[in-house]
Full PDB file with SEQRES, HELIX, SHEET, SSBOND, CRYST1, ORIGX, SCALE, CONECT and MASTER records, all heavy atoms in Angstrom:
SEQRES   1 A   32  TRP PRO LEU PRO THR ILE GLN SER VAL LEU ASN ILE TRP          
SEQRES   2 A   32  GLY ASN GLN PHE LEU TYR LEU GLN LEU GLY ILE LEU ASN          
SEQRES   3 A   32  SER ILE LEU LEU LYS LYS                                      
HELIX    1 AA1 LEU A    3  TRP A   13  1                                  11    
HELIX    2 AA2 LEU A   18  ILE A   24  1                                   7    
HELIX    3 AA3 LEU A   25  LEU A   29  3                                   5    
CRYST1    1.000    1.000    1.000  90.00  90.00  90.00 P 1           1          
ORIGX1      1.000000  0.000000  0.000000        0.00000                         
ORIGX2      0.000000  1.000000  0.000000        0.00000                         
ORIGX3      0.000000  0.000000  1.000000        0.00000                         
SCALE1      1.000000  0.000000  0.000000        0.00000                         
SCALE2      0.000000  1.000000  0.000000        0.00000                         
SCALE3      0.000000  0.000000  1.000000        0.00000                         
ATOM      1  N   TRP A   1     -10.318  -6.136  -0.583  1.00  0.00           N  
ATOM      2  CA  TRP A   1     -11.619  -6.406   0.176  1.00  0.00           C  
ATOM      3  C   TRP A   1     -12.583  -6.721  -0.894  1.00  0.00           C  
ATOM      4  O   TRP A   1     -12.689  -6.152  -2.003  1.00  0.00           O  
ATOM      5  CB  TRP A   1     -12.051  -5.119   0.860  1.00  0.00           C  
ATOM      6  CG  TRP A   1     -11.167  -4.596   1.882  1.00  0.00           C  
ATOM      7  CD1 TRP A   1     -10.059  -5.178   2.364  1.00  0.00           C  
ATOM      8  CD2 TRP A   1     -11.256  -3.210   2.497  1.00  0.00           C  
ATOM      9  NE1 TRP A   1      -9.543  -4.318   3.345  1.00  0.00           N  
ATOM     10  CE2 TRP A   1     -10.244  -3.116   3.441  1.00  0.00           C  
ATOM     11  CE3 TRP A   1     -12.155  -2.247   2.391  1.00  0.00           C  
ATOM     12  CZ2 TRP A   1     -10.045  -2.110   4.174  1.00  0.00           C  
ATOM     13  CZ3 TRP A   1     -11.881  -1.113   3.083  1.00  0.00           C  
ATOM     14  CH2 TRP A   1     -10.842  -1.022   4.052  1.00  0.00           C  
ATOM     15  N   PRO A   2     -13.467  -7.666  -0.619  1.00  0.00           N  
ATOM     16  CA  PRO A   2     -14.630  -7.987  -1.465  1.00  0.00           C  
ATOM     17  C   PRO A   2     -15.567  -6.736  -1.498  1.00  0.00           C  
ATOM     18  O   PRO A   2     -15.517  -5.957  -0.669  1.00  0.00           O  
ATOM     19  CB  PRO A   2     -15.398  -9.190  -0.921  1.00  0.00           C  
ATOM     20  CG  PRO A   2     -14.351  -9.758   0.107  1.00  0.00           C  
ATOM     21  CD  PRO A   2     -13.434  -8.665   0.532  1.00  0.00           C  
ATOM     22  N   LEU A   3     -16.330  -6.571  -2.598  1.00  0.00           N  
ATOM     23  CA  LEU A   3     -17.237  -5.478  -2.798  1.00  0.00           C  
ATOM     24  C   LEU A   3     -18.109  -5.183  -1.580  1.00  0.00           C  
ATOM     25  O   LEU A   3     -18.254  -4.163  -1.065  1.00  0.00           O  
ATOM     26  CB  LEU A   3     -18.079  -5.601  -4.063  1.00  0.00           C  
ATOM     27  CG  LEU A   3     -18.963  -4.417  -4.417  1.00  0.00           C  
ATOM     28  CD1 LEU A   3     -18.220  -3.202  -4.603  1.00  0.00           C  
ATOM     29  CD2 LEU A   3     -19.708  -4.814  -5.670  1.00  0.00           C  
ATOM     30  N   PRO A   4     -18.794  -6.391  -1.035  1.00  0.00           N  
ATOM     31  CA  PRO A   4     -19.571  -6.096   0.148  1.00  0.00           C  
ATOM     32  C   PRO A   4     -18.907  -5.413   1.419  1.00  0.00           C  
ATOM     33  O   PRO A   4     -19.433  -4.602   2.077  1.00  0.00           O  
ATOM     34  CB  PRO A   4     -20.108  -7.518   0.562  1.00  0.00           C  
ATOM     35  CG  PRO A   4     -20.027  -8.188  -0.746  1.00  0.00           C  
ATOM     36  CD  PRO A   4     -18.795  -7.734  -1.412  1.00  0.00           C  
ATOM     37  N   THR A   5     -17.681  -5.861   1.514  1.00  0.00           N  
ATOM     38  CA  THR A   5     -16.870  -5.301   2.622  1.00  0.00           C  
ATOM     39  C   THR A   5     -16.587  -3.796   2.408  1.00  0.00           C  
ATOM     40  O   THR A   5     -16.710  -3.000   3.325  1.00  0.00           O  
ATOM     41  CB  THR A   5     -15.527  -6.023   2.721  1.00  0.00           C  
ATOM     42  OG1 THR A   5     -15.750  -7.392   3.020  1.00  0.00           O  
ATOM     43  CG2 THR A   5     -14.633  -5.444   3.861  1.00  0.00           C  
ATOM     44  N   ILE A   6     -16.253  -3.382   1.123  1.00  0.00           N  
ATOM     45  CA  ILE A   6     -16.016  -2.008   0.825  1.00  0.00           C  
ATOM     46  C   ILE A   6     -17.208  -1.285   1.102  1.00  0.00           C  
ATOM     47  O   ILE A   6     -17.227  -0.180   1.800  1.00  0.00           O  
ATOM     48  CB  ILE A   6     -15.591  -1.886  -0.597  1.00  0.00           C  
ATOM     49  CG1 ILE A   6     -14.297  -2.473  -0.840  1.00  0.00           C  
ATOM     50  CG2 ILE A   6     -15.630  -0.445  -1.074  1.00  0.00           C  
ATOM     51  CD1 ILE A   6     -13.736  -2.446  -2.324  1.00  0.00           C  
ATOM     52  N   GLN A   7     -18.390  -1.679   0.652  1.00  0.00           N  
ATOM     53  CA  GLN A   7     -19.613  -0.999   0.894  1.00  0.00           C  
ATOM     54  C   GLN A   7     -20.009  -0.838   2.329  1.00  0.00           C  
ATOM     55  O   GLN A   7     -20.426   0.158   2.732  1.00  0.00           O  
ATOM     56  CB  GLN A   7     -20.889  -1.733   0.152  1.00  0.00           C  
ATOM     57  CG  GLN A   7     -20.631  -1.792  -1.348  1.00  0.00           C  
ATOM     58  CD  GLN A   7     -20.879  -0.411  -2.073  1.00  0.00           C  
ATOM     59  OE1 GLN A   7     -20.891  -0.393  -3.288  1.00  0.00           O  
ATOM     60  NE2 GLN A   7     -21.102   0.683  -1.269  1.00  0.00           N  
ATOM     61  N   SER A   8     -19.671  -1.912   3.096  1.00  0.00           N  
ATOM     62  CA  SER A   8     -20.085  -1.822   4.582  1.00  0.00           C  
ATOM     63  C   SER A   8     -19.216  -0.888   5.298  1.00  0.00           C  
ATOM     64  O   SER A   8     -19.655  -0.081   6.052  1.00  0.00           O  
ATOM     65  CB  SER A   8     -19.854  -3.249   5.204  1.00  0.00           C  
ATOM     66  OG  SER A   8     -20.736  -4.217   4.694  1.00  0.00           O  
ATOM     67  N   VAL A   9     -17.835  -0.817   4.957  1.00  0.00           N  
ATOM     68  CA  VAL A   9     -16.857   0.138   5.528  1.00  0.00           C  
ATOM     69  C   VAL A   9     -17.315   1.547   5.260  1.00  0.00           C  
ATOM     70  O   VAL A   9     -17.372   2.422   6.124  1.00  0.00           O  
ATOM     71  CB  VAL A   9     -15.531  -0.101   5.103  1.00  0.00           C  
ATOM     72  CG1 VAL A   9     -14.547   0.923   5.440  1.00  0.00           C  
ATOM     73  CG2 VAL A   9     -14.939  -1.446   5.600  1.00  0.00           C  
ATOM     74  N   LEU A  10     -17.714   1.776   3.977  1.00  0.00           N  
ATOM     75  CA  LEU A  10     -18.065   3.183   3.586  1.00  0.00           C  
ATOM     76  C   LEU A  10     -19.379   3.544   4.225  1.00  0.00           C  
ATOM     77  O   LEU A  10     -19.551   4.634   4.703  1.00  0.00           O  
ATOM     78  CB  LEU A  10     -18.246   3.253   2.096  1.00  0.00           C  
ATOM     79  CG  LEU A  10     -16.975   2.928   1.233  1.00  0.00           C  
ATOM     80  CD1 LEU A  10     -17.264   3.146  -0.243  1.00  0.00           C  
ATOM     81  CD2 LEU A  10     -15.786   3.761   1.726  1.00  0.00           C  
ATOM     82  N   ASN A  11     -20.332   2.665   4.452  1.00  0.00           N  
ATOM     83  CA  ASN A  11     -21.510   2.904   5.181  1.00  0.00           C  
ATOM     84  C   ASN A  11     -21.287   3.294   6.572  1.00  0.00           C  
ATOM     85  O   ASN A  11     -21.970   4.203   7.233  1.00  0.00           O  
ATOM     86  CB  ASN A  11     -22.464   1.760   5.066  1.00  0.00           C  
ATOM     87  CG  ASN A  11     -23.123   1.584   3.667  1.00  0.00           C  
ATOM     88  OD1 ASN A  11     -23.110   2.561   2.942  1.00  0.00           O  
ATOM     89  ND2 ASN A  11     -23.549   0.377   3.329  1.00  0.00           N  
ATOM     90  N   ILE A  12     -20.291   2.507   7.238  1.00  0.00           N  
ATOM     91  CA  ILE A  12     -20.067   2.740   8.639  1.00  0.00           C  
ATOM     92  C   ILE A  12     -19.415   4.172   8.763  1.00  0.00           C  
ATOM     93  O   ILE A  12     -19.714   4.837   9.748  1.00  0.00           O  
ATOM     94  CB  ILE A  12     -19.011   1.683   9.233  1.00  0.00           C  
ATOM     95  CG1 ILE A  12     -19.853   0.294   9.248  1.00  0.00           C  
ATOM     96  CG2 ILE A  12     -18.559   2.012  10.500  1.00  0.00           C  
ATOM     97  CD1 ILE A  12     -18.966  -0.859   9.489  1.00  0.00           C  
ATOM     98  N   TRP A  13     -18.479   4.446   7.835  1.00  0.00           N  
ATOM     99  CA  TRP A  13     -17.867   5.832   7.972  1.00  0.00           C  
ATOM    100  C   TRP A  13     -18.942   6.931   7.749  1.00  0.00           C  
ATOM    101  O   TRP A  13     -18.744   8.046   8.186  1.00  0.00           O  
ATOM    102  CB  TRP A  13     -16.703   5.852   6.825  1.00  0.00           C  
ATOM    103  CG  TRP A  13     -15.483   5.202   7.339  1.00  0.00           C  
ATOM    104  CD1 TRP A  13     -15.205   4.730   8.558  1.00  0.00           C  
ATOM    105  CD2 TRP A  13     -14.418   4.853   6.458  1.00  0.00           C  
ATOM    106  NE1 TRP A  13     -13.943   4.226   8.610  1.00  0.00           N  
ATOM    107  CE2 TRP A  13     -13.422   4.214   7.354  1.00  0.00           C  
ATOM    108  CE3 TRP A  13     -14.150   5.008   5.178  1.00  0.00           C  
ATOM    109  CZ2 TRP A  13     -12.239   3.664   6.812  1.00  0.00           C  
ATOM    110  CZ3 TRP A  13     -12.897   4.568   4.649  1.00  0.00           C  
ATOM    111  CH2 TRP A  13     -11.883   3.903   5.494  1.00  0.00           C  
ATOM    112  N   GLY A  14     -19.980   6.722   6.892  1.00  0.00           N  
ATOM    113  CA  GLY A  14     -20.853   7.829   6.727  1.00  0.00           C  
ATOM    114  C   GLY A  14     -20.239   8.981   5.997  1.00  0.00           C  
ATOM    115  O   GLY A  14     -19.622   8.838   4.945  1.00  0.00           O  
ATOM    116  N   ASN A  15     -20.442  10.107   6.582  1.00  0.00           N  
ATOM    117  CA  ASN A  15     -19.821  11.337   5.961  1.00  0.00           C  
ATOM    118  C   ASN A  15     -18.449  11.745   6.615  1.00  0.00           C  
ATOM    119  O   ASN A  15     -17.934  12.767   6.439  1.00  0.00           O  
ATOM    120  CB  ASN A  15     -20.703  12.494   5.981  1.00  0.00           C  
ATOM    121  CG  ASN A  15     -21.070  12.926   7.403  1.00  0.00           C  
ATOM    122  OD1 ASN A  15     -20.672  12.254   8.389  1.00  0.00           O  
ATOM    123  ND2 ASN A  15     -21.793  13.938   7.663  1.00  0.00           N  
ATOM    124  N   GLN A  16     -17.831  10.701   7.319  1.00  0.00           N  
ATOM    125  CA  GLN A  16     -16.426  10.930   7.820  1.00  0.00           C  
ATOM    126  C   GLN A  16     -15.487  10.319   6.853  1.00  0.00           C  
ATOM    127  O   GLN A  16     -15.752   9.564   5.858  1.00  0.00           O  
ATOM    128  CB  GLN A  16     -16.327  10.141   9.013  1.00  0.00           C  
ATOM    129  CG  GLN A  16     -17.261  10.457  10.192  1.00  0.00           C  
ATOM    130  CD  GLN A  16     -16.953   9.727  11.462  1.00  0.00           C  
ATOM    131  OE1 GLN A  16     -16.090  10.055  12.251  1.00  0.00           O  
ATOM    132  NE2 GLN A  16     -17.684   8.549  11.684  1.00  0.00           N  
ATOM    133  N   PHE A  17     -14.305  10.982   6.887  1.00  0.00           N  
ATOM    134  CA  PHE A  17     -13.080  10.420   6.120  1.00  0.00           C  
ATOM    135  C   PHE A  17     -13.404  10.434   4.619  1.00  0.00           C  
ATOM    136  O   PHE A  17     -13.097   9.427   3.820  1.00  0.00           O  
ATOM    137  CB  PHE A  17     -12.625   9.081   6.591  1.00  0.00           C  
ATOM    138  CG  PHE A  17     -12.647   8.881   8.024  1.00  0.00           C  
ATOM    139  CD1 PHE A  17     -13.461   7.864   8.668  1.00  0.00           C  
ATOM    140  CD2 PHE A  17     -11.913   9.705   8.847  1.00  0.00           C  
ATOM    141  CE1 PHE A  17     -13.469   7.760  10.009  1.00  0.00           C  
ATOM    142  CE2 PHE A  17     -11.930   9.610  10.237  1.00  0.00           C  
ATOM    143  CZ  PHE A  17     -12.592   8.603  10.825  1.00  0.00           C  
ATOM    144  N   LEU A  18     -14.052  11.538   4.157  1.00  0.00           N  
ATOM    145  CA  LEU A  18     -14.444  11.396   2.698  1.00  0.00           C  
ATOM    146  C   LEU A  18     -13.285  11.388   1.795  1.00  0.00           C  
ATOM    147  O   LEU A  18     -13.369  10.895   0.717  1.00  0.00           O  
ATOM    148  CB  LEU A  18     -15.336  12.767   2.413  1.00  0.00           C  
ATOM    149  CG  LEU A  18     -16.609  12.714   2.986  1.00  0.00           C  
ATOM    150  CD1 LEU A  18     -17.462  14.019   2.648  1.00  0.00           C  
ATOM    151  CD2 LEU A  18     -17.516  11.459   2.484  1.00  0.00           C  
ATOM    152  N   TYR A  19     -12.139  11.986   2.174  1.00  0.00           N  
ATOM    153  CA  TYR A  19     -10.947  11.804   1.237  1.00  0.00           C  
ATOM    154  C   TYR A  19     -10.549  10.394   1.123  1.00  0.00           C  
ATOM    155  O   TYR A  19      -9.928  10.047   0.083  1.00  0.00           O  
ATOM    156  CB  TYR A  19      -9.812  12.687   1.767  1.00  0.00           C  
ATOM    157  CG  TYR A  19      -9.318  12.381   3.245  1.00  0.00           C  
ATOM    158  CD1 TYR A  19      -8.225  11.497   3.368  1.00  0.00           C  
ATOM    159  CD2 TYR A  19      -9.899  12.731   4.405  1.00  0.00           C  
ATOM    160  CE1 TYR A  19      -7.787  11.114   4.614  1.00  0.00           C  
ATOM    161  CE2 TYR A  19      -9.495  12.459   5.669  1.00  0.00           C  
ATOM    162  CZ  TYR A  19      -8.296  11.605   5.763  1.00  0.00           C  
ATOM    163  OH  TYR A  19      -7.840  11.231   6.988  1.00  0.00           O  
ATOM    164  N   LEU A  20     -10.717   9.604   2.130  1.00  0.00           N  
ATOM    165  CA  LEU A  20     -10.390   8.142   2.022  1.00  0.00           C  
ATOM    166  C   LEU A  20     -11.431   7.444   1.176  1.00  0.00           C  
ATOM    167  O   LEU A  20     -11.067   6.619   0.276  1.00  0.00           O  
ATOM    168  CB  LEU A  20     -10.364   7.497   3.392  1.00  0.00           C  
ATOM    169  CG  LEU A  20      -9.212   7.855   4.348  1.00  0.00           C  
ATOM    170  CD1 LEU A  20      -9.364   7.123   5.683  1.00  0.00           C  
ATOM    171  CD2 LEU A  20      -7.843   7.685   3.811  1.00  0.00           C  
ATOM    172  N   GLN A  21     -12.664   7.799   1.318  1.00  0.00           N  
ATOM    173  CA  GLN A  21     -13.721   7.176   0.503  1.00  0.00           C  
ATOM    174  C   GLN A  21     -13.665   7.621  -1.007  1.00  0.00           C  
ATOM    175  O   GLN A  21     -13.796   6.710  -1.882  1.00  0.00           O  
ATOM    176  CB  GLN A  21     -15.040   7.706   1.059  1.00  0.00           C  
ATOM    177  CG  GLN A  21     -15.309   7.272   2.469  1.00  0.00           C  
ATOM    178  CD  GLN A  21     -16.852   7.421   2.859  1.00  0.00           C  
ATOM    179  OE1 GLN A  21     -17.741   7.138   2.154  1.00  0.00           O  
ATOM    180  NE2 GLN A  21     -16.897   8.101   4.000  1.00  0.00           N  
ATOM    181  N   LEU A  22     -13.144   8.847  -1.111  1.00  0.00           N  
ATOM    182  CA  LEU A  22     -12.940   9.209  -2.560  1.00  0.00           C  
ATOM    183  C   LEU A  22     -11.772   8.451  -3.306  1.00  0.00           C  
ATOM    184  O   LEU A  22     -11.803   8.051  -4.384  1.00  0.00           O  
ATOM    185  CB  LEU A  22     -12.582  10.721  -2.627  1.00  0.00           C  
ATOM    186  CG  LEU A  22     -12.494  11.271  -4.110  1.00  0.00           C  
ATOM    187  CD1 LEU A  22     -13.784  11.148  -4.910  1.00  0.00           C  
ATOM    188  CD2 LEU A  22     -12.066  12.774  -4.004  1.00  0.00           C  
ATOM    189  N   GLY A  23     -10.787   8.202  -2.436  1.00  0.00           N  
ATOM    190  CA  GLY A  23      -9.625   7.405  -2.941  1.00  0.00           C  
ATOM    191  C   GLY A  23     -10.052   6.036  -3.348  1.00  0.00           C  
ATOM    192  O   GLY A  23      -9.669   5.422  -4.388  1.00  0.00           O  
ATOM    193  N   ILE A  24     -10.983   5.384  -2.491  1.00  0.00           N  
ATOM    194  CA  ILE A  24     -11.411   4.053  -2.801  1.00  0.00           C  
ATOM    195  C   ILE A  24     -12.371   4.000  -4.005  1.00  0.00           C  
ATOM    196  O   ILE A  24     -12.265   3.078  -4.887  1.00  0.00           O  
ATOM    197  CB  ILE A  24     -12.186   3.418  -1.552  1.00  0.00           C  
ATOM    198  CG1 ILE A  24     -11.165   3.229  -0.476  1.00  0.00           C  
ATOM    199  CG2 ILE A  24     -12.896   2.171  -1.839  1.00  0.00           C  
ATOM    200  CD1 ILE A  24     -11.822   2.845   0.910  1.00  0.00           C  
ATOM    201  N   LEU A  25     -13.137   5.038  -4.120  1.00  0.00           N  
ATOM    202  CA  LEU A  25     -13.982   5.198  -5.340  1.00  0.00           C  
ATOM    203  C   LEU A  25     -13.247   5.249  -6.569  1.00  0.00           C  
ATOM    204  O   LEU A  25     -13.398   4.490  -7.542  1.00  0.00           O  
ATOM    205  CB  LEU A  25     -14.961   6.441  -5.248  1.00  0.00           C  
ATOM    206  CG  LEU A  25     -15.673   6.824  -6.393  1.00  0.00           C  
ATOM    207  CD1 LEU A  25     -16.800   5.706  -6.602  1.00  0.00           C  
ATOM    208  CD2 LEU A  25     -16.302   8.162  -6.368  1.00  0.00           C  
ATOM    209  N   ASN A  26     -12.247   6.118  -6.696  1.00  0.00           N  
ATOM    210  CA  ASN A  26     -11.488   6.271  -7.860  1.00  0.00           C  
ATOM    211  C   ASN A  26     -10.582   5.122  -8.242  1.00  0.00           C  
ATOM    212  O   ASN A  26     -10.441   4.854  -9.364  1.00  0.00           O  
ATOM    213  CB  ASN A  26     -10.591   7.535  -7.682  1.00  0.00           C  
ATOM    214  CG  ASN A  26     -11.367   8.964  -7.766  1.00  0.00           C  
ATOM    215  OD1 ASN A  26     -12.485   9.007  -8.342  1.00  0.00           O  
ATOM    216  ND2 ASN A  26     -10.943   9.964  -7.124  1.00  0.00           N  
ATOM    217  N   SER A  27      -9.909   4.674  -7.180  1.00  0.00           N  
ATOM    218  CA  SER A  27      -8.809   3.613  -7.487  1.00  0.00           C  
ATOM    219  C   SER A  27      -9.292   2.154  -7.511  1.00  0.00           C  
ATOM    220  O   SER A  27      -8.652   1.311  -7.979  1.00  0.00           O  
ATOM    221  CB  SER A  27      -7.731   3.780  -6.366  1.00  0.00           C  
ATOM    222  OG  SER A  27      -7.083   5.064  -6.468  1.00  0.00           O  
ATOM    223  N   ILE A  28     -10.542   1.896  -6.894  1.00  0.00           N  
ATOM    224  CA  ILE A  28     -11.027   0.547  -6.846  1.00  0.00           C  
ATOM    225  C   ILE A  28     -12.370   0.423  -7.578  1.00  0.00           C  
ATOM    226  O   ILE A  28     -12.490  -0.322  -8.517  1.00  0.00           O  
ATOM    227  CB  ILE A  28     -11.110   0.074  -5.432  1.00  0.00           C  
ATOM    228  CG1 ILE A  28      -9.725   0.115  -4.716  1.00  0.00           C  
ATOM    229  CG2 ILE A  28     -11.781  -1.297  -5.292  1.00  0.00           C  
ATOM    230  CD1 ILE A  28      -9.751  -0.226  -3.244  1.00  0.00           C  
ATOM    231  N   LEU A  29     -13.334   1.199  -6.996  1.00  0.00           N  
ATOM    232  CA  LEU A  29     -14.758   0.913  -7.475  1.00  0.00           C  
ATOM    233  C   LEU A  29     -14.856   1.290  -8.909  1.00  0.00           C  
ATOM    234  O   LEU A  29     -15.648   0.618  -9.721  1.00  0.00           O  
ATOM    235  CB  LEU A  29     -15.727   1.678  -6.665  1.00  0.00           C  
ATOM    236  CG  LEU A  29     -15.874   1.295  -5.128  1.00  0.00           C  
ATOM    237  CD1 LEU A  29     -16.790   2.081  -4.337  1.00  0.00           C  
ATOM    238  CD2 LEU A  29     -16.215  -0.319  -5.080  1.00  0.00           C  
ATOM    239  N   LEU A  30     -14.330   2.504  -9.340  1.00  0.00           N  
ATOM    240  CA  LEU A  30     -14.486   2.848 -10.749  1.00  0.00           C  
ATOM    241  C   LEU A  30     -13.608   1.969 -11.639  1.00  0.00           C  
ATOM    242  O   LEU A  30     -14.110   1.829 -12.841  1.00  0.00           O  
ATOM    243  CB  LEU A  30     -14.102   4.337 -10.849  1.00  0.00           C  
ATOM    244  CG  LEU A  30     -15.118   5.286 -10.268  1.00  0.00           C  
ATOM    245  CD1 LEU A  30     -14.584   6.736 -10.373  1.00  0.00           C  
ATOM    246  CD2 LEU A  30     -16.436   5.129 -10.947  1.00  0.00           C  
ATOM    247  N   LYS A  31     -12.561   1.377 -11.141  1.00  0.00           N  
ATOM    248  CA  LYS A  31     -11.781   0.467 -12.089  1.00  0.00           C  
ATOM    249  C   LYS A  31     -12.731  -0.849 -12.264  1.00  0.00           C  
ATOM    250  O   LYS A  31     -12.704  -1.437 -13.366  1.00  0.00           O  
ATOM    251  CB  LYS A  31     -10.573   0.037 -11.354  1.00  0.00           C  
ATOM    252  CG  LYS A  31      -9.389   1.211 -11.508  1.00  0.00           C  
ATOM    253  CD  LYS A  31      -8.124   0.661 -10.869  1.00  0.00           C  
ATOM    254  CE  LYS A  31      -6.996   1.717 -11.040  1.00  0.00           C  
ATOM    255  NZ  LYS A  31      -5.699   1.276 -10.537  1.00  0.00           N  
ATOM    256  N   LYS A  32     -13.353  -1.232 -11.243  1.00  0.00           N  
ATOM    257  CA  LYS A  32     -14.217  -2.367 -11.407  1.00  0.00           C  
ATOM    258  C   LYS A  32     -15.388  -2.005 -12.280  1.00  0.00           C  
ATOM    259  O   LYS A  32     -15.793  -2.869 -13.085  1.00  0.00           O  
ATOM    260  CB  LYS A  32     -14.834  -2.757 -10.020  1.00  0.00           C  
ATOM    261  CG  LYS A  32     -13.912  -3.439  -8.918  1.00  0.00           C  
ATOM    262  CD  LYS A  32     -14.564  -3.865  -7.735  1.00  0.00           C  
ATOM    263  CE  LYS A  32     -13.731  -4.593  -6.832  1.00  0.00           C  
ATOM    264  NZ  LYS A  32     -13.498  -6.010  -7.290  1.00  0.00           N  
TER     265      LYS A  32                                                      
MASTER        0    0    0    3    0    0    0    6  264    1    0    3          
END                                                                             
């Protein structure tokens, strides 16, 4: 996913599915 898509998905989820959001942060965003 492009960065804007990632940010939009995380915003839609809000405080739901934080374990999925943490995985995306660690494995994708922090690598970028």
